[in-house]
N, C-alpha and C. Protein backbone atom coordinates (compact mmCIF):
# COMPACT_ATOMS: atom_id res chain seq x y z
N UNK A 1 -8.13 -43.16 -0.56
CA UNK A 1 -7.09 -42.74 -1.48
C UNK A 1 -7.67 -41.82 -2.55
N UNK A 2 -8.87 -42.19 -3.07
CA UNK A 2 -9.51 -41.35 -4.08
C UNK A 2 -9.78 -39.96 -3.52
N UNK A 3 -10.23 -39.92 -2.25
CA UNK A 3 -10.52 -38.63 -1.60
C UNK A 3 -9.28 -37.76 -1.52
N UNK A 4 -8.17 -38.36 -1.17
CA UNK A 4 -6.91 -37.62 -1.09
C UNK A 4 -6.47 -37.12 -2.46
N UNK A 5 -6.59 -37.97 -3.45
CA UNK A 5 -6.24 -37.58 -4.81
C UNK A 5 -7.14 -36.47 -5.31
N UNK A 6 -8.45 -36.59 -5.05
CA UNK A 6 -9.41 -35.58 -5.48
C UNK A 6 -9.10 -34.24 -4.80
N UNK A 7 -8.79 -34.28 -3.52
CA UNK A 7 -8.43 -33.06 -2.79
C UNK A 7 -7.20 -32.42 -3.42
N UNK A 8 -6.19 -33.21 -3.72
CA UNK A 8 -4.97 -32.69 -4.33
C UNK A 8 -5.25 -32.07 -5.69
N UNK A 9 -6.07 -32.73 -6.49
CA UNK A 9 -6.40 -32.25 -7.84
C UNK A 9 -7.15 -30.92 -7.76
N UNK A 10 -8.01 -30.77 -6.77
CA UNK A 10 -8.79 -29.54 -6.64
C UNK A 10 -8.00 -28.41 -5.99
N UNK A 11 -7.16 -28.71 -5.02
CA UNK A 11 -6.44 -27.69 -4.27
C UNK A 11 -5.16 -27.25 -4.97
N UNK A 12 -4.47 -28.12 -5.63
CA UNK A 12 -3.19 -27.78 -6.27
C UNK A 12 -3.30 -26.62 -7.25
N UNK A 13 -4.30 -26.59 -8.15
CA UNK A 13 -4.40 -25.44 -9.05
C UNK A 13 -4.65 -24.14 -8.31
N UNK A 14 -5.42 -24.18 -7.22
CA UNK A 14 -5.67 -22.96 -6.44
C UNK A 14 -4.38 -22.47 -5.80
N UNK A 15 -3.61 -23.36 -5.25
CA UNK A 15 -2.34 -22.97 -4.65
C UNK A 15 -1.40 -22.40 -5.70
N UNK A 16 -1.35 -23.03 -6.87
CA UNK A 16 -0.49 -22.54 -7.95
C UNK A 16 -0.95 -21.16 -8.41
N UNK A 17 -2.26 -20.94 -8.49
CA UNK A 17 -2.79 -19.62 -8.88
C UNK A 17 -2.38 -18.58 -7.86
N UNK A 18 -2.44 -18.93 -6.57
CA UNK A 18 -2.02 -18.00 -5.52
C UNK A 18 -0.56 -17.63 -5.64
N UNK A 19 0.29 -18.59 -5.96
CA UNK A 19 1.71 -18.30 -6.15
C UNK A 19 1.90 -17.41 -7.37
N UNK A 20 1.10 -17.61 -8.41
CA UNK A 20 1.19 -16.79 -9.61
C UNK A 20 0.83 -15.34 -9.32
N UNK A 21 -0.21 -15.13 -8.53
CA UNK A 21 -0.64 -13.78 -8.16
C UNK A 21 0.47 -13.10 -7.35
N UNK A 22 0.99 -13.80 -6.37
CA UNK A 22 2.07 -13.23 -5.55
C UNK A 22 3.29 -12.90 -6.39
N UNK A 23 3.61 -13.77 -7.34
CA UNK A 23 4.77 -13.54 -8.21
C UNK A 23 4.56 -12.30 -9.08
N UNK A 24 3.35 -12.16 -9.64
CA UNK A 24 3.03 -10.97 -10.45
C UNK A 24 3.12 -9.70 -9.62
N UNK A 25 2.55 -9.74 -8.41
CA UNK A 25 2.59 -8.56 -7.54
C UNK A 25 4.02 -8.24 -7.11
N UNK A 26 4.83 -9.28 -6.91
CA UNK A 26 6.23 -9.06 -6.55
C UNK A 26 6.96 -8.34 -7.68
N UNK A 27 6.67 -8.71 -8.93
CA UNK A 27 7.27 -8.01 -10.07
C UNK A 27 6.86 -6.54 -10.10
N UNK A 28 5.57 -6.28 -9.87
CA UNK A 28 5.08 -4.90 -9.85
C UNK A 28 5.77 -4.11 -8.74
N UNK A 29 5.86 -4.71 -7.56
CA UNK A 29 6.48 -4.03 -6.41
C UNK A 29 7.98 -3.78 -6.65
N UNK A 30 8.64 -4.75 -7.26
CA UNK A 30 10.08 -4.59 -7.57
C UNK A 30 10.28 -3.41 -8.52
N UNK A 31 9.46 -3.33 -9.54
CA UNK A 31 9.56 -2.23 -10.50
C UNK A 31 9.20 -0.90 -9.83
N UNK A 32 8.20 -0.92 -8.96
CA UNK A 32 7.81 0.30 -8.25
C UNK A 32 8.95 0.84 -7.41
N UNK A 33 9.74 -0.04 -6.80
CA UNK A 33 10.88 0.42 -5.99
C UNK A 33 11.85 1.27 -6.81
N UNK A 34 11.94 0.97 -8.09
CA UNK A 34 12.85 1.70 -8.98
C UNK A 34 12.18 2.94 -9.55
N UNK A 35 10.89 2.86 -9.83
CA UNK A 35 10.19 3.91 -10.57
C UNK A 35 9.61 5.04 -9.71
N UNK A 36 9.25 4.76 -8.47
CA UNK A 36 8.60 5.77 -7.64
C UNK A 36 9.66 6.69 -7.06
N UNK A 37 9.46 7.98 -7.24
CA UNK A 37 10.41 9.02 -6.83
C UNK A 37 10.21 9.36 -5.35
N UNK A 38 11.10 8.88 -4.51
CA UNK A 38 11.00 9.11 -3.07
C UNK A 38 11.12 10.57 -2.69
N UNK A 39 11.88 11.35 -3.45
CA UNK A 39 11.99 12.78 -3.16
C UNK A 39 10.63 13.45 -3.36
N UNK A 40 9.93 13.09 -4.44
CA UNK A 40 8.59 13.64 -4.68
C UNK A 40 7.62 13.16 -3.60
N UNK A 41 7.75 11.90 -3.19
CA UNK A 41 6.86 11.36 -2.16
C UNK A 41 6.95 12.17 -0.87
N UNK A 42 8.14 12.58 -0.52
CA UNK A 42 8.34 13.38 0.69
C UNK A 42 7.64 14.73 0.62
N UNK A 43 7.43 15.22 -0.60
CA UNK A 43 6.82 16.55 -0.77
C UNK A 43 5.30 16.51 -0.95
N UNK A 44 4.70 15.33 -0.97
CA UNK A 44 3.26 15.23 -1.27
C UNK A 44 2.39 15.88 -0.20
N UNK A 45 2.49 15.43 1.03
CA UNK A 45 1.64 15.96 2.10
C UNK A 45 2.24 17.28 2.57
N UNK A 46 1.38 18.31 2.63
CA UNK A 46 1.87 19.64 3.02
C UNK A 46 2.23 19.67 4.51
N UNK A 47 3.10 20.60 4.87
CA UNK A 47 3.49 20.78 6.27
C UNK A 47 2.27 21.11 7.12
N UNK A 48 1.39 21.93 6.57
CA UNK A 48 0.16 22.30 7.30
C UNK A 48 -0.67 21.05 7.62
N UNK A 49 -0.83 20.16 6.66
CA UNK A 49 -1.60 18.92 6.89
C UNK A 49 -0.92 18.05 7.95
N UNK A 50 0.40 17.97 7.90
CA UNK A 50 1.13 17.18 8.90
C UNK A 50 0.94 17.76 10.30
N UNK A 51 0.90 19.09 10.39
CA UNK A 51 0.70 19.73 11.70
C UNK A 51 -0.68 19.43 12.26
N UNK A 52 -1.68 19.32 11.40
CA UNK A 52 -3.05 19.04 11.84
C UNK A 52 -3.31 17.56 12.09
N UNK A 53 -2.44 16.68 11.63
CA UNK A 53 -2.70 15.25 11.66
C UNK A 53 -3.06 14.72 13.04
N UNK A 54 -2.42 15.21 14.08
CA UNK A 54 -2.65 14.71 15.43
C UNK A 54 -3.44 15.69 16.31
N UNK A 55 -3.99 16.74 15.69
CA UNK A 55 -4.74 17.73 16.47
C UNK A 55 -6.13 17.21 16.81
N UNK A 56 -6.54 17.49 18.02
CA UNK A 56 -7.90 17.17 18.47
C UNK A 56 -8.56 18.48 18.87
N UNK A 57 -9.75 18.70 18.39
CA UNK A 57 -10.51 19.89 18.71
C UNK A 57 -11.89 19.43 19.17
N UNK A 58 -12.25 19.67 20.43
CA UNK A 58 -13.55 19.20 20.92
C UNK A 58 -14.73 19.80 20.16
N UNK A 59 -14.51 20.93 19.49
CA UNK A 59 -15.59 21.56 18.72
C UNK A 59 -15.64 21.06 17.27
N UNK A 60 -14.58 20.38 16.83
CA UNK A 60 -14.53 19.92 15.44
C UNK A 60 -13.79 18.59 15.39
N UNK A 61 -14.53 17.49 15.44
CA UNK A 61 -13.90 16.17 15.45
C UNK A 61 -13.21 15.83 14.13
N UNK A 62 -13.49 16.60 13.07
CA UNK A 62 -12.94 16.32 11.75
C UNK A 62 -11.80 17.27 11.39
N UNK A 63 -11.26 17.98 12.36
CA UNK A 63 -10.25 19.00 12.07
C UNK A 63 -9.05 18.44 11.31
N UNK A 64 -8.58 17.26 11.65
CA UNK A 64 -7.41 16.70 10.97
C UNK A 64 -7.74 16.36 9.52
N UNK A 65 -8.84 15.66 9.29
CA UNK A 65 -9.23 15.27 7.95
C UNK A 65 -9.60 16.46 7.07
N UNK A 66 -10.27 17.44 7.67
CA UNK A 66 -10.66 18.63 6.91
C UNK A 66 -9.46 19.45 6.47
N UNK A 67 -8.35 19.28 7.13
CA UNK A 67 -7.15 20.06 6.80
C UNK A 67 -6.07 19.21 6.13
N UNK A 68 -6.45 18.05 5.64
CA UNK A 68 -5.51 17.22 4.90
C UNK A 68 -5.41 17.77 3.48
N UNK A 69 -4.21 18.10 3.07
CA UNK A 69 -4.00 18.64 1.74
C UNK A 69 -2.66 18.16 1.20
N UNK A 70 -2.56 18.19 -0.13
CA UNK A 70 -1.35 17.71 -0.78
C UNK A 70 -0.79 18.79 -1.70
N UNK A 71 0.49 18.64 -1.99
CA UNK A 71 1.18 19.47 -2.97
C UNK A 71 0.94 18.82 -4.33
N UNK A 72 0.12 19.46 -5.16
CA UNK A 72 -0.26 18.87 -6.46
C UNK A 72 0.92 18.55 -7.35
N UNK A 73 1.96 19.40 -7.33
CA UNK A 73 3.11 19.16 -8.21
C UNK A 73 3.83 17.86 -7.89
N UNK A 74 3.78 17.44 -6.65
CA UNK A 74 4.39 16.16 -6.28
C UNK A 74 3.36 15.02 -6.37
N UNK A 75 2.15 15.28 -5.92
CA UNK A 75 1.12 14.25 -5.84
C UNK A 75 0.75 13.66 -7.21
N UNK A 76 0.46 14.52 -8.17
CA UNK A 76 -0.07 14.05 -9.46
C UNK A 76 0.91 13.12 -10.19
N UNK A 77 2.19 13.49 -10.35
CA UNK A 77 3.09 12.55 -11.05
C UNK A 77 3.27 11.21 -10.32
N UNK A 78 3.31 11.24 -8.99
CA UNK A 78 3.46 9.99 -8.25
C UNK A 78 2.20 9.15 -8.39
N UNK A 79 1.03 9.76 -8.29
CA UNK A 79 -0.23 9.03 -8.45
C UNK A 79 -0.30 8.39 -9.84
N UNK A 80 0.08 9.15 -10.88
CA UNK A 80 0.07 8.59 -12.24
C UNK A 80 1.03 7.42 -12.37
N UNK A 81 2.19 7.53 -11.75
CA UNK A 81 3.16 6.43 -11.78
C UNK A 81 2.58 5.18 -11.12
N UNK A 82 1.94 5.36 -9.96
CA UNK A 82 1.35 4.22 -9.26
C UNK A 82 0.23 3.57 -10.08
N UNK A 83 -0.57 4.39 -10.76
CA UNK A 83 -1.63 3.84 -11.61
C UNK A 83 -1.02 3.04 -12.76
N UNK A 84 0.01 3.60 -13.39
CA UNK A 84 0.66 2.88 -14.50
C UNK A 84 1.25 1.56 -14.01
N UNK A 85 1.87 1.58 -12.85
CA UNK A 85 2.43 0.34 -12.29
C UNK A 85 1.36 -0.71 -12.07
N UNK A 86 0.17 -0.28 -11.63
CA UNK A 86 -0.91 -1.25 -11.38
C UNK A 86 -1.35 -1.95 -12.66
N UNK A 87 -1.12 -1.32 -13.81
CA UNK A 87 -1.50 -1.93 -15.09
C UNK A 87 -0.51 -3.01 -15.55
N UNK A 88 0.60 -3.16 -14.85
CA UNK A 88 1.55 -4.22 -15.19
C UNK A 88 1.00 -5.60 -14.84
N UNK A 89 0.11 -5.67 -13.86
CA UNK A 89 -0.46 -6.96 -13.46
C UNK A 89 -1.57 -7.35 -14.43
N UNK A 90 -1.71 -8.65 -14.71
CA UNK A 90 -2.76 -9.11 -15.62
C UNK A 90 -4.13 -9.26 -14.95
N UNK A 91 -4.29 -8.70 -13.77
CA UNK A 91 -5.53 -8.76 -13.01
C UNK A 91 -5.69 -7.42 -12.28
N UNK A 92 -6.87 -7.09 -11.79
CA UNK A 92 -7.04 -5.83 -11.07
C UNK A 92 -6.15 -5.79 -9.83
N UNK A 93 -5.37 -4.74 -9.72
CA UNK A 93 -4.56 -4.53 -8.53
C UNK A 93 -4.39 -3.03 -8.32
N UNK A 94 -3.98 -2.66 -7.15
CA UNK A 94 -3.63 -1.27 -6.84
C UNK A 94 -2.20 -1.23 -6.35
N UNK A 95 -1.57 -0.09 -6.55
CA UNK A 95 -0.26 0.18 -5.98
C UNK A 95 -0.43 1.44 -5.15
N UNK A 96 -0.34 1.28 -3.83
CA UNK A 96 -0.56 2.37 -2.88
C UNK A 96 0.76 2.83 -2.29
N UNK A 97 0.80 4.10 -1.89
CA UNK A 97 1.99 4.67 -1.27
C UNK A 97 1.76 4.87 0.22
N UNK A 98 2.65 4.32 1.03
CA UNK A 98 2.64 4.46 2.49
C UNK A 98 3.90 5.20 2.92
N UNK A 99 3.75 6.07 3.90
CA UNK A 99 4.91 6.80 4.43
C UNK A 99 4.89 6.73 5.96
N UNK A 100 6.06 6.61 6.58
CA UNK A 100 6.10 6.69 8.04
C UNK A 100 5.78 8.12 8.48
N UNK A 101 5.27 8.27 9.69
CA UNK A 101 4.91 9.58 10.21
C UNK A 101 6.09 10.10 11.03
N UNK A 102 6.68 11.21 10.59
CA UNK A 102 7.84 11.79 11.27
C UNK A 102 7.48 12.12 12.72
N UNK A 103 8.37 11.74 13.63
CA UNK A 103 8.15 12.00 15.04
C UNK A 103 7.29 10.97 15.74
N UNK A 104 6.75 10.03 14.98
CA UNK A 104 5.90 8.96 15.51
C UNK A 104 6.37 7.64 14.88
N UNK A 105 7.46 7.06 15.40
CA UNK A 105 8.09 5.92 14.74
C UNK A 105 7.23 4.67 14.58
N UNK A 106 6.16 4.55 15.34
CA UNK A 106 5.30 3.37 15.23
C UNK A 106 4.05 3.64 14.41
N UNK A 107 4.00 4.81 13.75
CA UNK A 107 2.82 5.19 12.96
C UNK A 107 3.18 5.27 11.48
N UNK A 108 2.18 5.01 10.65
CA UNK A 108 2.33 5.07 9.20
C UNK A 108 1.07 5.69 8.64
N UNK A 109 1.18 6.32 7.47
CA UNK A 109 0.00 6.89 6.83
C UNK A 109 -0.04 6.46 5.38
N UNK A 110 -1.24 6.27 4.88
CA UNK A 110 -1.39 5.98 3.46
C UNK A 110 -1.51 7.34 2.77
N UNK A 111 -0.57 7.61 1.88
CA UNK A 111 -0.51 8.91 1.22
C UNK A 111 -1.30 8.88 -0.08
N UNK A 112 -1.21 7.78 -0.82
CA UNK A 112 -1.96 7.65 -2.08
C UNK A 112 -2.58 6.26 -2.13
N UNK A 113 -3.91 6.24 -2.27
CA UNK A 113 -4.64 5.01 -2.58
C UNK A 113 -4.97 5.08 -4.06
N UNK A 114 -5.39 3.96 -4.61
CA UNK A 114 -5.58 4.00 -6.05
C UNK A 114 -6.93 3.52 -6.54
N UNK A 115 -7.01 3.30 -7.81
CA UNK A 115 -8.23 3.13 -8.59
C UNK A 115 -9.27 2.21 -7.96
N UNK A 116 -8.87 1.04 -7.53
CA UNK A 116 -9.83 0.04 -7.04
C UNK A 116 -10.11 0.15 -5.54
N UNK A 117 -9.46 1.11 -4.89
CA UNK A 117 -9.63 1.31 -3.43
C UNK A 117 -9.21 0.07 -2.64
N UNK A 118 -8.21 -0.66 -3.13
CA UNK A 118 -7.76 -1.88 -2.47
C UNK A 118 -6.60 -1.60 -1.54
N UNK A 119 -6.68 -2.13 -0.35
CA UNK A 119 -5.55 -2.19 0.57
C UNK A 119 -5.88 -3.23 1.63
N UNK A 120 -4.93 -4.08 1.90
CA UNK A 120 -5.11 -5.11 2.92
C UNK A 120 -5.02 -4.51 4.32
N UNK A 121 -4.44 -3.32 4.43
CA UNK A 121 -4.09 -2.78 5.74
C UNK A 121 -4.84 -1.51 6.14
N UNK A 122 -5.35 -0.75 5.20
CA UNK A 122 -5.90 0.58 5.50
C UNK A 122 -7.33 0.50 6.01
N UNK A 123 -7.58 0.98 7.26
CA UNK A 123 -8.96 1.09 7.71
C UNK A 123 -9.56 2.38 7.12
N UNK A 124 -10.66 2.25 6.46
CA UNK A 124 -11.27 3.36 5.73
C UNK A 124 -11.33 4.63 6.59
N UNK A 125 -10.86 5.73 6.02
CA UNK A 125 -10.95 7.03 6.67
C UNK A 125 -9.79 7.39 7.59
N UNK A 126 -8.91 6.46 7.89
CA UNK A 126 -7.81 6.74 8.82
C UNK A 126 -6.74 7.60 8.15
N UNK A 127 -6.32 8.66 8.83
CA UNK A 127 -5.22 9.49 8.33
C UNK A 127 -3.88 8.86 8.66
N UNK A 128 -3.82 8.14 9.76
CA UNK A 128 -2.62 7.41 10.16
C UNK A 128 -3.06 6.21 10.97
N UNK A 129 -2.13 5.28 11.16
CA UNK A 129 -2.44 4.06 11.92
C UNK A 129 -1.15 3.47 12.45
N UNK A 130 -1.30 2.44 13.28
CA UNK A 130 -0.12 1.73 13.76
C UNK A 130 0.55 1.02 12.59
N UNK A 131 1.87 1.04 12.61
CA UNK A 131 2.64 0.37 11.57
C UNK A 131 2.61 -1.13 11.81
N UNK A 132 2.25 -1.88 10.78
CA UNK A 132 2.25 -3.34 10.93
C UNK A 132 3.71 -3.83 10.85
N UNK A 133 4.01 -4.97 11.48
CA UNK A 133 5.39 -5.47 11.49
C UNK A 133 6.00 -5.65 10.10
N UNK A 134 5.22 -6.08 9.12
CA UNK A 134 5.76 -6.27 7.77
C UNK A 134 6.22 -4.95 7.16
N UNK A 135 5.48 -3.87 7.43
CA UNK A 135 5.89 -2.56 6.92
C UNK A 135 7.20 -2.12 7.58
N UNK A 136 7.27 -2.32 8.88
CA UNK A 136 8.49 -1.96 9.61
C UNK A 136 9.68 -2.73 9.07
N UNK A 137 9.48 -4.01 8.77
CA UNK A 137 10.54 -4.85 8.22
C UNK A 137 11.05 -4.29 6.89
N UNK A 138 10.13 -3.89 6.01
CA UNK A 138 10.52 -3.32 4.71
C UNK A 138 11.28 -2.02 4.91
N UNK A 139 10.78 -1.15 5.79
CA UNK A 139 11.44 0.14 6.03
C UNK A 139 12.83 -0.03 6.64
N UNK A 140 13.02 -1.06 7.44
CA UNK A 140 14.31 -1.29 8.09
C UNK A 140 15.31 -2.05 7.22
N UNK A 141 14.82 -2.98 6.41
CA UNK A 141 15.74 -3.86 5.66
C UNK A 141 15.84 -3.53 4.17
N UNK A 142 14.79 -2.92 3.62
CA UNK A 142 14.78 -2.66 2.18
C UNK A 142 14.39 -3.88 1.36
N UNK A 143 13.98 -4.96 2.01
CA UNK A 143 13.57 -6.18 1.29
C UNK A 143 12.06 -6.19 1.08
N UNK A 144 11.64 -6.69 -0.07
CA UNK A 144 10.21 -6.85 -0.34
C UNK A 144 9.66 -7.97 0.54
N UNK A 145 8.38 -7.80 0.93
CA UNK A 145 7.70 -8.78 1.78
C UNK A 145 6.32 -9.05 1.20
N UNK A 146 5.96 -10.32 1.08
CA UNK A 146 4.63 -10.72 0.65
C UNK A 146 3.79 -10.99 1.88
N UNK A 147 2.58 -10.42 1.90
CA UNK A 147 1.70 -10.54 3.06
C UNK A 147 0.32 -11.01 2.61
N UNK A 148 -0.19 -12.02 3.29
CA UNK A 148 -1.56 -12.50 3.05
C UNK A 148 -2.22 -12.72 4.41
N UNK A 149 -2.41 -11.65 5.16
CA UNK A 149 -3.00 -11.76 6.49
C UNK A 149 -4.51 -11.97 6.45
N UNK A 150 -5.16 -11.38 5.45
CA UNK A 150 -6.62 -11.52 5.33
C UNK A 150 -6.93 -12.53 4.23
N UNK A 151 -7.92 -13.38 4.44
CA UNK A 151 -8.29 -14.36 3.41
C UNK A 151 -8.64 -13.65 2.09
N UNK A 152 -8.08 -14.16 1.00
CA UNK A 152 -8.37 -13.62 -0.32
C UNK A 152 -7.50 -12.42 -0.72
N UNK A 153 -6.68 -11.93 0.17
CA UNK A 153 -5.84 -10.76 -0.10
C UNK A 153 -4.39 -11.18 -0.26
N UNK A 154 -3.70 -10.54 -1.20
CA UNK A 154 -2.26 -10.69 -1.35
C UNK A 154 -1.69 -9.29 -1.56
N UNK A 155 -0.70 -8.93 -0.75
CA UNK A 155 0.01 -7.66 -0.88
C UNK A 155 1.50 -7.94 -0.93
N UNK A 156 2.21 -7.17 -1.74
CA UNK A 156 3.66 -7.19 -1.69
C UNK A 156 4.09 -5.78 -1.33
N UNK A 157 4.84 -5.67 -0.25
CA UNK A 157 5.35 -4.38 0.22
C UNK A 157 6.79 -4.24 -0.26
N UNK A 158 7.11 -3.04 -0.77
CA UNK A 158 8.46 -2.80 -1.30
C UNK A 158 8.89 -1.38 -0.92
N UNK A 159 10.19 -1.20 -0.71
CA UNK A 159 10.68 0.12 -0.29
C UNK A 159 10.63 1.16 -1.41
N UNK A 160 10.52 2.42 -0.99
CA UNK A 160 10.63 3.58 -1.89
C UNK A 160 11.86 4.35 -1.43
N UNK A 161 12.73 4.68 -2.39
CA UNK A 161 14.00 5.33 -2.08
C UNK A 161 14.02 6.77 -2.59
N UNK A 162 14.76 7.63 -1.86
CA UNK A 162 14.99 8.98 -2.36
C UNK A 162 16.29 8.99 -3.17
N UNK A 163 16.69 10.16 -3.65
CA UNK A 163 17.86 10.25 -4.52
C UNK A 163 19.18 9.96 -3.79
N UNK A 164 19.16 9.95 -2.47
CA UNK A 164 20.35 9.61 -1.70
C UNK A 164 20.42 8.12 -1.35
N UNK A 165 19.38 7.38 -1.76
CA UNK A 165 19.34 5.95 -1.47
C UNK A 165 18.72 5.60 -0.13
N UNK A 166 18.14 6.59 0.55
CA UNK A 166 17.47 6.34 1.83
C UNK A 166 16.05 5.86 1.58
N UNK A 167 15.60 4.93 2.41
CA UNK A 167 14.22 4.45 2.33
C UNK A 167 13.33 5.50 2.99
N UNK A 168 12.36 6.02 2.23
CA UNK A 168 11.48 7.08 2.73
C UNK A 168 10.03 6.62 2.88
N UNK A 169 9.71 5.48 2.33
CA UNK A 169 8.35 4.98 2.38
C UNK A 169 8.28 3.59 1.77
N UNK A 170 7.07 3.16 1.46
CA UNK A 170 6.92 1.87 0.82
C UNK A 170 5.66 1.86 -0.04
N UNK A 171 5.66 0.97 -1.01
CA UNK A 171 4.48 0.75 -1.83
C UNK A 171 3.85 -0.58 -1.43
N UNK A 172 2.55 -0.63 -1.60
CA UNK A 172 1.79 -1.87 -1.41
C UNK A 172 1.17 -2.21 -2.75
N UNK A 173 1.67 -3.26 -3.40
CA UNK A 173 1.03 -3.80 -4.60
C UNK A 173 0.06 -4.85 -4.10
N UNK A 174 -1.24 -4.67 -4.38
CA UNK A 174 -2.26 -5.47 -3.69
C UNK A 174 -3.38 -5.88 -4.64
N UNK A 175 -3.92 -7.07 -4.37
CA UNK A 175 -5.14 -7.51 -5.04
C UNK A 175 -5.96 -8.31 -4.05
N UNK A 176 -7.21 -8.46 -4.41
CA UNK A 176 -8.16 -9.23 -3.61
C UNK A 176 -8.85 -10.20 -4.56
N UNK A 177 -9.00 -11.45 -4.11
CA UNK A 177 -9.66 -12.44 -4.96
C UNK A 177 -10.78 -13.11 -4.18
N UNK A 178 -12.02 -12.99 -4.59
CA UNK A 178 -12.47 -12.18 -5.72
C UNK A 178 -12.48 -10.70 -5.36
N UNK A 179 -12.43 -9.86 -6.39
CA UNK A 179 -12.45 -8.41 -6.21
C UNK A 179 -13.81 -8.00 -5.65
N UNK A 180 -13.79 -7.17 -4.61
CA UNK A 180 -15.00 -6.58 -4.05
C UNK A 180 -14.89 -5.07 -4.23
N UNK A 181 -15.46 -4.52 -5.31
CA UNK A 181 -15.26 -3.10 -5.62
C UNK A 181 -15.79 -2.16 -4.55
N UNK A 182 -16.68 -2.62 -3.67
CA UNK A 182 -17.20 -1.75 -2.62
C UNK A 182 -16.62 -2.09 -1.23
N UNK A 183 -15.68 -3.02 -1.19
CA UNK A 183 -15.15 -3.50 0.07
C UNK A 183 -14.47 -2.44 0.93
N UNK A 184 -13.76 -1.50 0.32
CA UNK A 184 -13.08 -0.47 1.08
C UNK A 184 -13.76 0.89 0.98
N UNK A 185 -14.95 0.90 0.42
CA UNK A 185 -15.70 2.16 0.31
C UNK A 185 -16.88 2.08 1.24
N UNK A 186 -16.91 2.93 2.21
CA UNK A 186 -17.99 2.91 3.21
C UNK A 186 -18.96 4.04 2.96
C-alpha cells in the first residue's frame, strides 16, 4: 500500500505538470489561429522555390535546397508574429508554421521554424515530408489537436486561416522537456 501511495505522490505532480504545459500550449495555439495572417503565409515561399522543391538533378543533389527562397515582405512579419506568440508561454517554446504542398495532398512543408529550433515532427533539413495524421485532421476540421508522440515533447497544432476563412496551413506550438538546445541542430 505504501508503494502505491508513494508512486501516486511522485507521479501525480508530473502528470499535472504535463497537463499544465499542454494547456499553456493550447492557449498559444488558439491565439495563433487568430493572429497569424494566412494570406501572408501563402505569399512566403516564392513560386520559383516551389518549382524547385521536387526537382532532382544528378549533377546537383542540393538543387531544391539551394533554390529555396522566401518573399521577405511576407516572411518577416509572420516570423515576428510567431516569435511573439512563443513568448506567451511561461517556458521555452516555439511556434512554427506548416503549409500543405499544393499538388501533393499528402505532403507538408515547414515554412518557418523558430528560435529554439523545436519541432516534434520536422526531420532536420527536409524541405517537405509526409503529412502526419494529426496535421491532416487539423487541416480538414479546423480543430486544435494536442500531440505527444515523442517522449518529452508536447505540440499543439492549430489551423491558420486566410481572409476568406479558408484553412491554408497550421501552426505547431511546441516544447520539449527537458529542453535540448542542440536536439534539432545537426
